PDB file of N, CA and C in Angstrom:
ATOM      1  N   GLY A   1      14.864  12.500  -5.526  1.00  0.00           N
ATOM      2  CA  GLY A   1      15.369  13.864  -5.114  1.00  0.00           C
ATOM      3  C   GLY A   1      14.126  14.165  -3.672  1.00  0.00           C
ATOM      4  N   THR A   2      13.994  15.545  -3.331  1.00  0.00           N
ATOM      5  CA  THR A   2      13.123  15.568  -2.164  1.00  0.00           C
ATOM      6  C   THR A   2      11.711  15.421  -2.269  1.00  0.00           C
ATOM      7  N   GLY A   3      11.096  14.531  -1.558  1.00  0.00           N
ATOM      8  CA  GLY A   3       9.809  14.329  -1.664  1.00  0.00           C
ATOM      9  C   GLY A   3       9.554  13.008  -2.618  1.00  0.00           C
ATOM     10  N   SER A   4      10.773  12.216  -3.373  1.00  0.00           N
ATOM     11  CA  SER A   4      10.660  11.395  -4.120  1.00  0.00           C
ATOM     12  C   SER A   4      10.786  10.384  -2.708  1.00  0.00           C
ATOM     13  N   ASN A   5      10.375   9.962  -2.294  1.00  0.00           N
ATOM     14  CA  ASN A   5      10.833   8.493  -1.111  1.00  0.00           C
ATOM     15  C   ASN A   5       9.684   8.050  -0.504  1.00  0.00           C
ATOM     16  N   PRO A   6       9.121   6.910  -0.952  1.00  0.00           N
ATOM     17  CA  PRO A   6       7.552   6.779   0.086  1.00  0.00           C
ATOM     18  C   PRO A   6       7.799   6.619   1.633  1.00  0.00           C
ATOM     19  N   VAL A   7       6.811   7.300   2.338  1.00  0.00           N
ATOM     20  CA  VAL A   7       6.466   7.409   3.594  1.00  0.00           C
ATOM     21  C   VAL A   7       5.495   6.235   4.099  1.00  0.00           C
ATOM     22  N   MET A   8       5.521   5.806   5.418  1.00  0.00           N
ATOM     23  CA  MET A   8       4.690   5.165   5.961  1.00  0.00           C
ATOM     24  C   MET A   8       3.689   6.079   6.520  1.00  0.00           C
ATOM     25  N   MET A   9       2.162   6.539   6.012  1.00  0.00           N
ATOM     26  CA  MET A   9       1.596   7.579   7.058  1.00  0.00           C
ATOM     27  C   MET A   9       0.853   6.765   8.375  1.00  0.00           C
ATOM     28  N   PHE A  10       0.560   5.542   8.163  1.00  0.00           N
ATOM     29  CA  PHE A  10      -0.174   4.875   9.255  1.00  0.00           C
ATOM     30  C   PHE A  10       0.464   3.582   9.015  1.00  0.00           C
ATOM     31  N   CYS A  11       0.774   3.326  10.461  1.00  0.00           N
ATOM     32  CA  CYS A  11       0.733   1.998  11.007  1.00  0.00           C
ATOM     33  C   CYS A  11       0.107   1.389  12.203  1.00  0.00           C
ATOM     34  N   PHE A  12      -0.214   0.078  12.325  1.00  0.00           N
ATOM     35  CA  PHE A  12      -1.216  -0.225  13.658  1.00  0.00           C
ATOM     36  C   PHE A  12      -1.045  -1.570  13.248  1.00  0.00           C
ATOM     37  N   ALA A  13       0.445  -1.508  14.622  1.00  0.00           N
ATOM     38  CA  ALA A  13       1.355  -2.544  14.295  1.00  0.00           C
ATOM     39  C   ALA A  13       0.932  -2.597  16.254  1.00  0.00           C
ATOM     40  N   PRO A  14       0.633  -4.099  16.169  1.00  0.00           N
ATOM     41  CA  PRO A  14       0.450  -4.490  17.526  1.00  0.00           C
ATOM     42  C   PRO A  14       2.098  -3.691  18.864  1.00  0.00           C
ATOM     43  N   SER A  15       1.313  -3.786  19.929  1.00  0.00           N
ATOM     44  CA  SER A  15       2.367  -3.026  20.706  1.00  0.00           C
ATOM     45  C   SER A  15       3.443  -3.948  21.111  1.00  0.00           C
ATOM     46  N   THR A  16       3.100  -5.147  20.904  1.00  0.00           N
ATOM     47  CA  THR A  16       4.157  -6.474  21.210  1.00  0.00           C
ATOM     48  C   THR A  16       5.680  -6.136  19.573  1.00  0.00           C
ATOM     49  N   ALA A  17       4.934  -5.269  18.519  1.00  0.00           N
ATOM     50  CA  ALA A  17       5.801  -5.847  16.898  1.00  0.00           C
ATOM     51  C   ALA A  17       6.947  -4.936  17.484  1.00  0.00           C
ATOM     52  N   GLN A  18       8.131  -5.423  16.458  1.00  0.00           N
ATOM     53  CA  GLN A  18       9.759  -4.484  16.512  1.00  0.00           C
ATOM     54  C   GLN A  18       9.499  -3.881  15.442  1.00  0.00           C
ATOM     55  N   LEU A  19       9.194  -2.870  15.521  1.00  0.00           N
ATOM     56  CA  LEU A  19       9.131  -1.390  14.921  1.00  0.00           C
ATOM     57  C   LEU A  19       9.908  -1.799  13.944  1.00  0.00           C
ATOM     58  N   MET A  20      11.126  -1.893  13.988  1.00  0.00           N
ATOM     59  CA  MET A  20      12.065  -2.050  12.556  1.00  0.00           C
ATOM     60  C   MET A  20      11.828  -2.996  11.699  1.00  0.00           C
ATOM     61  N   ASN A  21      10.981  -3.859  11.938  1.00  0.00           N
ATOM     62  CA  ASN A  21      10.824  -5.018  10.992  1.00  0.00           C
ATOM     63  C   ASN A  21       9.610  -4.183   9.682  1.00  0.00           C
ATOM     64  N   TYR A  22       8.987  -2.912  10.045  1.00  0.00           N
ATOM     65  CA  TYR A  22       8.323  -2.484   9.517  1.00  0.00           C
ATOM     66  C   TYR A  22       9.244  -1.340   8.308  1.00  0.00           C
ATOM     67  N   LYS A  23      10.409  -0.914   8.759  1.00  0.00           N
ATOM     68  CA  LYS A  23      10.930  -0.022   8.504  1.00  0.00           C
ATOM     69  C   LYS A  23      10.785   0.146   6.994  1.00  0.00           C
ATOM     70  N   VAL A  24      11.142  -1.057   6.296  1.00  0.00           N
ATOM     71  CA  VAL A  24      11.538  -1.832   4.755  1.00  0.00           C
ATOM     72  C   VAL A  24      10.228  -1.589   3.989  1.00  0.00           C
ATOM     73  N   VAL A  25       9.202  -1.633   4.662  1.00  0.00           N
ATOM     74  CA  VAL A  25       7.800  -1.116   3.845  1.00  0.00           C
ATOM     75  C   VAL A  25       7.445  -0.830   3.126  1.00  0.00           C
ATOM     76  N   PRO A  26       7.605   0.144   2.996  1.00  0.00           N
ATOM     77  CA  PRO A  26       7.554   2.209   2.152  1.00  0.00           C
ATOM     78  C   PRO A  26       8.381   1.437   1.001  1.00  0.00           C
ATOM     79  N   ASP A  27       9.836   0.686   0.498  1.00  0.00           N
ATOM     80  CA  ASP A  27      10.541   0.469   0.050  1.00  0.00           C
ATOM     81  C   ASP A  27      10.168  -0.471  -0.669  1.00  0.00           C
ATOM     82  N   PHE A  28       9.507  -1.909  -0.036  1.00  0.00           N
ATOM     83  CA  PHE A  28       8.624  -2.647  -0.542  1.00  0.00           C
ATOM     84  C   PHE A  28       7.733  -2.019  -1.931  1.00  0.00           C
ATOM     85  N   SER A  29       6.839  -1.174  -1.177  1.00  0.00           N
ATOM     86  CA  SER A  29       5.108  -0.535  -1.607  1.00  0.00           C
ATOM     87  C   SER A  29       5.811  -0.178  -2.908  1.00  0.00           C
ATOM     88  N   PHE A  30       6.979   0.815  -2.510  1.00  0.00           N
ATOM     89  CA  PHE A  30       6.848   1.713  -3.953  1.00  0.00           C
ATOM     90  C   PHE A  30       8.964   1.452  -4.415  1.00  0.00           C
ATOM     91  N   PRO A  31       8.660   0.104  -5.252  1.00  0.00           N
ATOM     92  CA  PRO A  31      10.271  -0.145  -5.377  1.00  0.00           C
ATOM     93  C   PRO A  31      10.695   1.024  -6.511  1.00  0.00           C
ATOM     94  N   ASP A  32       9.510   1.301  -7.185  1.00  0.00           N
ATOM     95  CA  ASP A  32       9.619   2.589  -8.436  1.00  0.00           C
ATOM     96  C   ASP A  32       9.164   3.996  -7.568  1.00  0.00           C
ATOM     97  N   PRO A  33       9.946   5.162  -6.971  1.00  0.00           N
ATOM     98  CA  PRO A  33       9.299   6.473  -5.970  1.00  0.00           C
ATOM     99  C   PRO A  33       9.847   7.562  -7.473  1.00  0.00           C
ATOM    100  N   GLN A  34      10.376   6.780  -8.274  1.00  0.00           N
ATOM    101  CA  GLN A  34      10.063   8.484  -9.173  1.00  0.00           C
ATOM    102  C   GLN A  34       8.431   8.392  -9.880  1.00  0.00           C
ATOM    103  N   ALA A  35       7.381   7.493  -9.505  1.00  0.00           N
ATOM    104  CA  ALA A  35       6.345   7.038  -9.420  1.00  0.00           C
ATOM    105  C   ALA A  35       5.692   8.181  -8.746  1.00  0.00           C
ATOM    106  N   LEU A  36       6.302   8.348  -7.742  1.00  0.00           N
ATOM    107  CA  LEU A  36       5.769   9.833  -6.673  1.00  0.00           C
ATOM    108  C   LEU A  36       5.535  10.896  -7.508  1.00  0.00           C
ATOM    109  N   LEU A  37       6.875  11.247  -7.803  1.00  0.00           N
ATOM    110  CA  LEU A  37       7.223  12.466  -9.017  1.00  0.00           C
ATOM    111  C   LEU A  37       5.942  13.083  -9.499  1.00  0.00           C
ATOM    112  N   THR A  38       5.841  11.991 -10.613  1.00  0.00           N
ATOM    113  CA  THR A  38       4.705  12.467 -11.330  1.00  0.00           C
ATOM    114  C   THR A  38       3.264  12.234 -11.382  1.00  0.00           C
ATOM    115  N   GLU A  39       2.282  12.744 -11.719  1.00  0.00           N
ATOM    116  CA  GLU A  39       0.898  12.607 -11.987  1.00  0.00           C
ATOM    117  C   GLU A  39       0.742  11.188 -12.622  1.00  0.00           C
ATOM    118  N   SER A  40      -0.410  10.367 -12.581  1.00  0.00           N
ATOM    119  CA  SER A  40      -0.528   9.150 -12.841  1.00  0.00           C
ATOM    120  C   SER A  40      -1.410   9.545 -13.993  1.00  0.00           C
ATOM    121  N   SER A  41      -0.721   9.127 -15.654  1.00  0.00           N
ATOM    122  CA  SER A  41      -0.972   9.621 -17.513  1.00  0.00           C
ATOM    123  C   SER A  41      -2.021   8.709 -17.233  1.00  0.00           C
ATOM    124  N   ALA A  42      -2.450   7.371 -16.707  1.00  0.00           N
ATOM    125  CA  ALA A  42      -3.281   6.615 -17.155  1.00  0.00           C
ATOM    126  C   ALA A  42      -4.655   6.780 -16.982  1.00  0.00           C
ATOM    127  N   THR A  43      -5.118   6.106 -18.022  1.00  0.00           N
ATOM    128  CA  THR A  43      -6.799   7.207 -18.104  1.00  0.00           C
ATOM    129  C   THR A  43      -7.442   5.303 -17.852  1.00  0.00           C
ATOM    130  N   SER A  44      -7.394   4.721 -17.650  1.00  0.00           N
ATOM    131  CA  SER A  44      -8.466   3.271 -17.258  1.00  0.00           C
ATOM    132  C   SER A  44      -8.012   3.034 -15.744  1.00  0.00           C
ATOM    133  N   GLU A  45      -8.959   2.621 -15.194  1.00  0.00           N
ATOM    134  CA  GLU A  45      -9.194   2.314 -13.895  1.00  0.00           C
ATOM    135  C   GLU A  45      -7.435   1.108 -13.660  1.00  0.00           C
ATOM    136  N   ASP A  46      -7.769   0.104 -14.390  1.00  0.00           N
ATOM    137  CA  ASP A  46      -6.898  -0.719 -14.064  1.00  0.00           C
ATOM    138  C   ASP A  46      -5.358  -0.455 -14.312  1.00  0.00           C
ATOM    139  N   GLN A  47      -5.178   0.660 -15.052  1.00  0.00           N
ATOM    140  CA  GLN A  47      -3.967   0.918 -14.791  1.00  0.00           C
ATOM    141  C   GLN A  47      -3.058   1.333 -13.795  1.00  0.00           C
ATOM    142  N   ASP A  48      -4.361   1.954 -12.905  1.00  0.00           N
ATOM    143  CA  ASP A  48      -4.064   3.174 -12.072  1.00  0.00           C
ATOM    144  C   ASP A  48      -4.205   1.985 -10.483  1.00  0.00           C
ATOM    145  N   ARG A  49      -4.211   0.440 -10.384  1.00  0.00           N
ATOM    146  CA  ARG A  49      -4.297   0.026  -9.562  1.00  0.00           C
ATOM    147  C   ARG A  49      -3.470  -1.188  -9.709  1.00  0.00           C
ATOM    148  N   GLU A  50      -3.060  -1.744  -8.916  1.00  0.00           N
ATOM    149  CA  GLU A  50      -1.927  -2.768  -8.473  1.00  0.00           C
ATOM    150  C   GLU A  50      -1.873  -3.639  -7.481  1.00  0.00           C
ATOM    151  N   THR A  51      -2.539  -4.983  -7.718  1.00  0.00           N
ATOM    152  CA  THR A  51      -2.378  -6.131  -6.183  1.00  0.00           C
ATOM    153  C   THR A  51      -0.699  -6.755  -6.225  1.00  0.00           C
ATOM    154  N   PHE A  52      -0.239  -6.622  -5.174  1.00  0.00           N
ATOM    155  CA  PHE A  52       0.925  -7.218  -5.077  1.00  0.00           C
ATOM    156  C   PHE A  52       1.373  -7.677  -4.038  1.00  0.00           C
ATOM    157  N   THR A  53       1.505  -8.794  -3.610  1.00  0.00           N
ATOM    158  CA  THR A  53       2.398  -9.484  -2.581  1.00  0.00           C
ATOM    159  C   THR A  53       3.509  -9.463  -2.001  1.00  0.00           C
ATOM    160  N   PHE A  54       4.494  -9.687  -0.711  1.00  0.00           N
ATOM    161  CA  PHE A  54       5.277  -9.650  -0.729  1.00  0.00           C
ATOM    162  C   PHE A  54       5.786 -10.421   0.821  1.00  0.00           C
ATOM    163  N   VAL A  55       7.396 -10.979   0.639  1.00  0.00           N
ATOM    164  CA  VAL A  55       6.882 -11.785   2.313  1.00  0.00           C
ATOM    165  C   VAL A  55       8.161 -11.067   3.028  1.00  0.00           C
ATOM    166  N   LEU A  56       8.303 -11.192   4.332  1.00  0.00           N
ATOM    167  CA  LEU A  56       9.613 -10.642   5.185  1.00  0.00           C
ATOM    168  C   LEU A  56       9.547 -11.636   6.059  1.00  0.00           C
ATOM    169  N   THR A  57      11.232 -11.901   6.129  1.00  0.00           N
ATOM    170  CA  THR A  57      11.623 -13.042   6.889  1.00  0.00           C
ATOM    171  C   THR A  57      12.381 -12.207   8.099  1.00  0.00           C
ATOM    172  N   GLU A  58      11.938 -12.613   8.972  1.00  0.00           N
ATOM    173  CA  GLU A  58      12.259 -12.416  10.555  1.00  0.00           C
ATOM    174  C   GLU A  58      13.708 -12.990  10.147  1.00  0.00           C
ATOM    175  N   SER A  59      14.336 -12.228  11.911  1.00  0.00           N
ATOM    176  CA  SER A  59      15.611 -13.014  12.130  1.00  0.00           C
ATOM    177  C   SER A  59      14.893 -14.346  12.813  1.00  0.00           C
ATOM    178  N   ASP A  60      14.205 -14.546  13.544  1.00  0.00           N
ATOM    179  CA  ASP A  60      14.187 -16.098  13.701  1.00  0.00           C
ATOM    180  C   ASP A  60      13.060 -17.122  12.657  1.00  0.00           C
ATOM    181  N   SER A  61      13.565 -16.457  11.414  1.00  0.00           N
ATOM    182  CA  SER A  61      12.813 -17.022  10.059  1.00  0.00           C
ATOM    183  C   SER A  61      11.458 -17.328   9.985  1.00  0.00           C
ATOM    184  N   ARG A  62      10.623 -16.298  11.199  1.00  0.00           N
ATOM    185  CA  ARG A  62       9.077 -16.267  10.997  1.00  0.00           C
ATOM    186  C   ARG A  62       8.884 -15.809   9.705  1.00  0.00           C
ATOM    187  N   ARG A  63       7.939 -15.499   8.686  1.00  0.00           N
ATOM    188  CA  ARG A  63       7.347 -15.273   7.543  1.00  0.00           C
ATOM    189  C   ARG A  63       6.127 -14.042   8.171  1.00  0.00           C
ATOM    190  N   LEU A  64       6.679 -12.566   7.974  1.00  0.00           N
ATOM    191  CA  LEU A  64       5.507 -11.876   7.464  1.00  0.00           C
ATOM    192  C   LEU A  64       4.641 -11.347   6.355  1.00  0.00           C
ATOM    193  N   TYR A  65       3.921 -11.882   5.626  1.00  0.00           N
ATOM    194  CA  TYR A  65       3.013 -11.473   4.139  1.00  0.00           C
ATOM    195  C   TYR A  65       2.230 -10.436   4.265  1.00  0.00           C
ATOM    196  N   ALA A  66       2.884  -9.532   2.927  1.00  0.00           N
ATOM    197  CA  ALA A  66       2.326  -8.352   2.969  1.00  0.00           C
ATOM    198  C   ALA A  66       1.167  -8.096   2.173  1.00  0.00           C
ATOM    199  N   PHE A  67       0.252  -7.754   1.582  1.00  0.00           N
ATOM    200  CA  PHE A  67      -0.738  -8.138   0.781  1.00  0.00           C
ATOM    201  C   PHE A  67      -0.548  -6.424   0.485  1.00  0.00           C
ATOM    202  N   CYS A  68      -0.617  -5.866  -0.577  1.00  0.00           N
ATOM    203  CA  CYS A  68      -0.484  -4.341  -0.656  1.00  0.00           C
ATOM    204  C   CYS A  68      -1.674  -4.116  -2.097  1.00  0.00           C
ATOM    205  N   ARG A  69      -2.188  -2.959  -2.076  1.00  0.00           N
ATOM    206  CA  ARG A  69      -2.704  -2.788  -2.921  1.00  0.00           C
ATOM    207  C   ARG A  69      -2.465  -1.346  -3.588  1.00  0.00           C
ATOM    208  N   ARG A  70      -2.025  -0.773  -4.794  1.00  0.00           N
ATOM    209  CA  ARG A  70      -2.171   0.428  -5.139  1.00  0.00           C
ATOM    210  C   ARG A  70      -2.953   1.207  -5.989  1.00  0.00           C
ATOM    211  N   TYR A  71      -2.927   2.386  -5.848  1.00  0.00           N
ATOM    212  CA  TYR A  71      -4.531   3.093  -6.637  1.00  0.00           C
ATOM    213  C   TYR A  71      -4.110   4.285  -6.422  1.00  0.00           C
ATOM    214  N   THR A  72      -5.052   5.033  -7.056  1.00  0.00           N
ATOM    215  CA  THR A  72      -4.091   6.570  -7.355  1.00  0.00           C
ATOM    216  C   THR A  72      -5.970   7.022  -7.386  1.00  0.00           C
ATOM    217  N   PRO A  73      -6.131   7.573  -5.960  1.00  0.00           N
ATOM    218  CA  PRO A  73      -7.188   8.879  -5.382  1.00  0.00           C
ATOM    219  C   PRO A  73      -6.987  10.012  -6.221  1.00  0.00           C
ATOM    220  N   ILE A  74      -7.759  10.872  -6.002  1.00  0.00           N
ATOM    221  CA  ILE A  74      -7.756  12.030  -7.359  1.00  0.00           C
ATOM    222  C   ILE A  74      -8.129  13.115  -5.322  1.00  0.00           C
ATOM    223  N   ASP A  75      -7.522  13.707  -5.295  1.00  0.00           N
ATOM    224  CA  ASP A  75      -7.404  15.022  -3.690  1.00  0.00           C
ATOM    225  C   ASP A  75      -8.338  16.296  -4.418  1.00  0.00           C
ATOM    226  N   ASN A  76      -8.288  16.608  -3.911  1.00  0.00           N
ATOM    227  CA  ASN A  76      -9.673  17.810  -3.905  1.00  0.00           C
ATOM    228  C   ASN A  76      -8.836  19.009  -4.734  1.00  0.00           C
ATOM    229  N   SER A  77      -7.353  18.849  -5.062  1.00  0.00           N
ATOM    230  CA  SER A  77      -6.862  19.545  -6.485  1.00  0.00           C
ATOM    231  C   SER A  77      -6.942  19.415  -7.623  1.00  0.00           C
ATOM    232  N   GLY A  78      -7.692  18.187  -7.118  1.00  0.00           N
ATOM    233  CA  GLY A  78      -7.626  17.143  -9.054  1.00  0.00           C
ATOM    234  C   GLY A  78      -6.379  16.330  -9.165  1.00  0.00           C
ATOM    235  N   THR A  79      -5.391  16.502  -8.073  1.00  0.00           N
ATOM    236  CA  THR A  79      -4.243  16.155  -8.404  1.00  0.00           C
ATOM    237  C   THR A  79      -3.982  14.478  -7.975  1.00  0.00           C
ATOM    238  N   LYS A  80      -3.713  13.462  -8.632  1.00  0.00           N
ATOM    239  CA  LYS A  80      -3.043  12.027  -8.902  1.00  0.00           C
ATOM    240  C   LYS A  80      -2.025  11.274  -8.147  1.00  0.00           C
ATOM    241  N   ARG A  81      -2.254  11.557  -7.037  1.00  0.00           N
ATOM    242  CA  ARG A  81      -0.800  10.869  -6.534  1.00  0.00           C
ATOM    243  C   ARG A  81      -1.135   9.377  -6.025  1.00  0.00           C
ATOM    244  N   PRO A  82      -0.227   8.284  -6.318  1.00  0.00           N
ATOM    245  CA  PRO A  82      -0.537   6.710  -5.920  1.00  0.00           C
ATOM    246  C   PRO A  82      -0.564   6.674  -4.652  1.00  0.00           C
ATOM    247  N   GLU A  83      -0.698   6.119  -4.136  1.00  0.00           N
ATOM    248  CA  GLU A  83      -0.978   5.153  -2.814  1.00  0.00           C
ATOM    249  C   GLU A  83      -1.328   3.962  -2.462  1.00  0.00           C
ATOM    250  N   VAL A  84      -0.429   3.184  -1.210  1.00  0.00           N
ATOM    251  CA  VAL A  84      -0.435   1.932  -1.031  1.00  0.00           C
ATOM    252  C   VAL A  84      -0.819   1.370   0.139  1.00  0.00           C
ATOM    253  N   ALA A  85      -1.723   0.639   0.265  1.00  0.00           N
ATOM    254  CA  ALA A  85      -2.656  -0.038   1.764  1.00  0.00           C
ATOM    255  C   ALA A  85      -1.862  -0.943   1.442  1.00  0.00           C
ATOM    256  N   CYS A  86      -1.601  -1.623   2.413  1.00  0.00           N
ATOM    257  CA  CYS A  86      -0.429  -2.905   3.036  1.00  0.00           C
ATOM    258  C   CYS A  86      -1.220  -3.491   4.026  1.00  0.00           C
ATOM    259  N   ILE A  87      -1.484  -4.481   4.065  1.00  0.00           N
ATOM    260  CA  ILE A  87      -1.513  -5.232   5.273  1.00  0.00           C
ATOM    261  C   ILE A  87      -0.337  -6.443   5.406  1.00  0.00           C
ATOM    262  N   ILE A  88       0.029  -6.431   6.756  1.00  0.00           N
ATOM    263  CA  ILE A  88       1.268  -7.136   7.008  1.00  0.00           C
ATOM    264  C   ILE A  88       0.464  -8.352   8.163  1.00  0.00           C
ATOM    265  N   THR A  89       0.304  -9.285   7.854  1.00  0.00           N
ATOM    266  CA  THR A  89       0.460 -10.223   8.666  1.00  0.00           C
ATOM    267  C   THR A  89       1.173 -11.518   8.512  1.00  0.00           C
ATOM    268  N   ARG A  90       1.154 -12.585   9.571  1.00  0.00           N
ATOM    269  CA  ARG A  90       1.291 -14.061   9.438  1.00  0.00           C
ATOM    270  C   ARG A  90       0.400 -15.052   9.122  1.00  0.00           C
ATOM    271  N   PHE A  91      -0.331 -14.271   8.577  1.00  0.00           N
ATOM    272  CA  PHE A  91      -1.390 -15.139   7.734  1.00  0.00           C
ATOM    273  C   PHE A  91      -1.642 -15.186   5.915  1.00  0.00           C
ATOM    274  N   CYS A  92      -1.363 -16.531   5.193  1.00  0.00           N
ATOM    275  CA  CYS A  92      -1.256 -16.093   3.555  1.00  0.00           C
ATOM    276  C   CYS A  92      -2.684 -16.603   3.138  1.00  0.00           C
ATOM    277  N   TRP A  93      -3.390 -15.712   3.706  1.00  0.00           N
ATOM    278  CA  TRP A  93      -5.288 -15.844   3.645  1.00  0.00           C
ATOM    279  C   TRP A  93      -4.850 -14.631   2.456  1.00  0.00           C
ATOM    280  N   TYR A  94      -4.863 -15.080   1.046  1.00  0.00           N
ATOM    281  CA  TYR A  94      -5.065 -13.884   0.035  1.00  0.00           C
ATOM    282  C   TYR A  94      -6.464 -13.383  -0.161  1.00  0.00           C
ATOM    283  N   ASP A  95      -7.255 -13.783  -0.274  1.00  0.00           N
ATOM    284  CA  ASP A  95      -8.208 -13.824  -1.153  1.00  0.00           C
ATOM    285  C   ASP A  95      -9.170 -12.734   0.403  1.00  0.00           C
ATOM    286  N   VAL A  96      -9.108 -13.186   1.986  1.00  0.00           N
ATOM    287  CA  VAL A  96      -9.210 -12.623   2.712  1.00  0.00           C
ATOM    288  C   VAL A  96      -9.012 -11.214   2.184  1.00  0.00           C
ATOM    289  N   PHE A  97      -7.215 -11.218   2.720  1.00  0.00           N
ATOM    290  CA  PHE A  97      -6.634  -9.843   2.650  1.00  0.00           C
ATOM    291  C   PHE A  97      -6.655  -8.867   1.308  1.00  0.00           C
ATOM    292  N   SER A  98      -6.990  -9.512   0.122  1.00  0.00           N
ATOM    293  CA  SER A  98      -7.899  -9.030  -1.409  1.00  0.00           C
ATOM    294  C   SER A  98      -9.048  -8.457  -1.284  1.00  0.00           C
ATOM    295  N   SER A  99     -10.013  -8.752  -0.592  1.00  0.00           N
ATOM    296  CA  SER A  99     -11.363  -8.062  -0.258  1.00  0.00           C
ATOM    297  C   SER A  99     -11.457  -7.188   0.730  1.00  0.00           C
ATOM    298  N   LEU A 100     -10.544  -7.111   1.897  1.00  0.00           N
ATOM    299  CA  LEU A 100     -10.269  -5.899   2.739  1.00  0.00           C
ATOM    300  C   LEU A 100      -9.260  -4.602   2.085  1.00  0.00           C
ATOM    301  N   LEU A 101      -8.579  -5.291   1.032  1.00  0.00           N
ATOM    302  CA  LEU A 101      -7.980  -4.346   0.560  1.00  0.00           C
ATOM    303  C   LEU A 101      -8.608  -3.475  -0.833  1.00  0.00           C
ATOM    304  N   ASP A 102     -10.098  -4.256  -1.072  1.00  0.00           N
ATOM    305  CA  ASP A 102     -10.826  -3.638  -2.040  1.00  0.00           C
ATOM    306  C   ASP A 102     -11.803  -2.338  -1.139  1.00  0.00           C
ATOM    307  N   LEU A 103     -12.469  -2.770   0.021  1.00  0.00           N
ATOM    308  CA  LEU A 103     -12.837  -1.870   0.841  1.00  0.00           C
ATOM    309  C   LEU A 103     -12.216  -0.539   1.078  1.00  0.00           C
ATOM    310  N   VAL A 104     -10.683  -0.984   1.018  1.00  0.00           N
ATOM    311  CA  VAL A 104      -9.691  -0.030   1.730  1.00  0.00           C
ATOM    312  C   VAL A 104      -9.749   1.163   0.305  1.00  0.00           C
ATOM    313  N   GLU A 105      -9.122   0.600  -0.581  1.00  0.00           N
ATOM    314  CA  GLU A 105      -9.567   1.141  -2.043  1.00  0.00           C
ATOM    315  C   GLU A 105     -10.946   1.851  -2.191  1.00  0.00           C
ATOM    316  N   GLU A 106     -11.857   1.463  -2.103  1.00  0.00           N
ATOM    317  CA  GLU A 106     -12.976   1.999  -2.429  1.00  0.00           C
ATOM    318  C   GLU A 106     -13.392   3.429  -1.504  1.00  0.00           C
ATOM    319  N   THR A 107     -13.210   3.058  -0.068  1.00  0.00           N
ATOM    320  CA  THR A 107     -12.866   4.017   0.833  1.00  0.00           C
ATOM    321  C   THR A 107     -11.706   5.233   0.309  1.00  0.00           C
ATOM    322  N   ALA A 108     -10.875   4.917   0.150  1.00  0.00           N
ATOM    323  CA  ALA A 108     -10.047   6.015  -0.108  1.00  0.00           C
ATOM    324  C   ALA A 108     -10.188   6.595  -1.631  1.00  0.00           C
ATOM    325  N   CYS A 109     -10.707   6.187  -2.151  1.00  0.00           N
ATOM    326  CA  CYS A 109     -11.106   6.695  -3.616  1.00  0.00           C
ATOM    327  C   CYS A 109     -12.598   7.240  -3.511  1.00  0.00           C
ATOM    328  N   GLY A 110     -13.353   6.817  -2.704  1.00  0.00           N
ATOM    329  CA  GLY A 110     -14.899   7.603  -2.536  1.00  0.00           C
ATOM    330  C   GLY A 110     -15.746   6.929  -3.910  1.00  0.00           C
ATOM    331  N   LYS A 111     -15.566   5.303  -3.649  1.00  0.00           N
ATOM    332  CA  LYS A 111     -16.226   5.328  -4.889  1.00  0.00           C
ATOM    333  C   LYS A 111     -17.416   4.001  -3.803  1.00  0.00           C
ATOM    334  N   ASN A 112     -18.257   4.124  -4.780  1.00  0.00           N
ATOM    335  CA  ASN A 112     -19.683   2.846  -3.811  1.00  0.00           C
ATOM    336  C   ASN A 112     -20.148   4.196  -3.006  1.00  0.00           C
ATOM    337  N   GLY A 113     -19.899   5.011  -2.825  1.00  0.00           N
ATOM    338  CA  GLY A 113     -20.418   5.638  -1.494  1.00  0.00           C
ATOM    339  C   GLY A 113     -19.794   5.413  -0.659  1.00  0.00           C
ATOM    340  N   ALA A 114     -18.699   4.584  -0.313  1.00  0.00           N
ATOM    341  CA  ALA A 114     -18.102   4.244   1.013  1.00  0.00           C
ATOM    342  C   ALA A 114     -16.910   5.662   1.077  1.00  0.00           C
ATOM    343  N   LEU A 115     -17.282   6.301   2.648  1.00  0.00           N
ATOM    344  CA  LEU A 115     -16.250   7.555   2.915  1.00  0.00           C
ATOM    345  C   LEU A 115     -15.900   7.641   4.420  1.00  0.00           C
TER     346      LEU A 115
END
């Protein structure tokens, strides 16, 4: 239905990037778009948080690695709606990008004073 499709809110791609390569990212980030329609009923932080990866293969067989963190911030009206931060890179450095995603999540959710 209307409003159930994920959208890319920000894309900080290099000027040389072929943006067509990024059009599939929302679908991979939210393979279950029906979750966008309902407020999260999860009660624990672990249920509201998910880390996952996927690989995009370009037409020339080069790989782009996507490191994603799904989290559920609460907006000013108290509504919980899932978001995904996704870092796409040619480097398969899980620990580095997982640490960066921790910071993104903390900032988005207002944890530890990070805003």
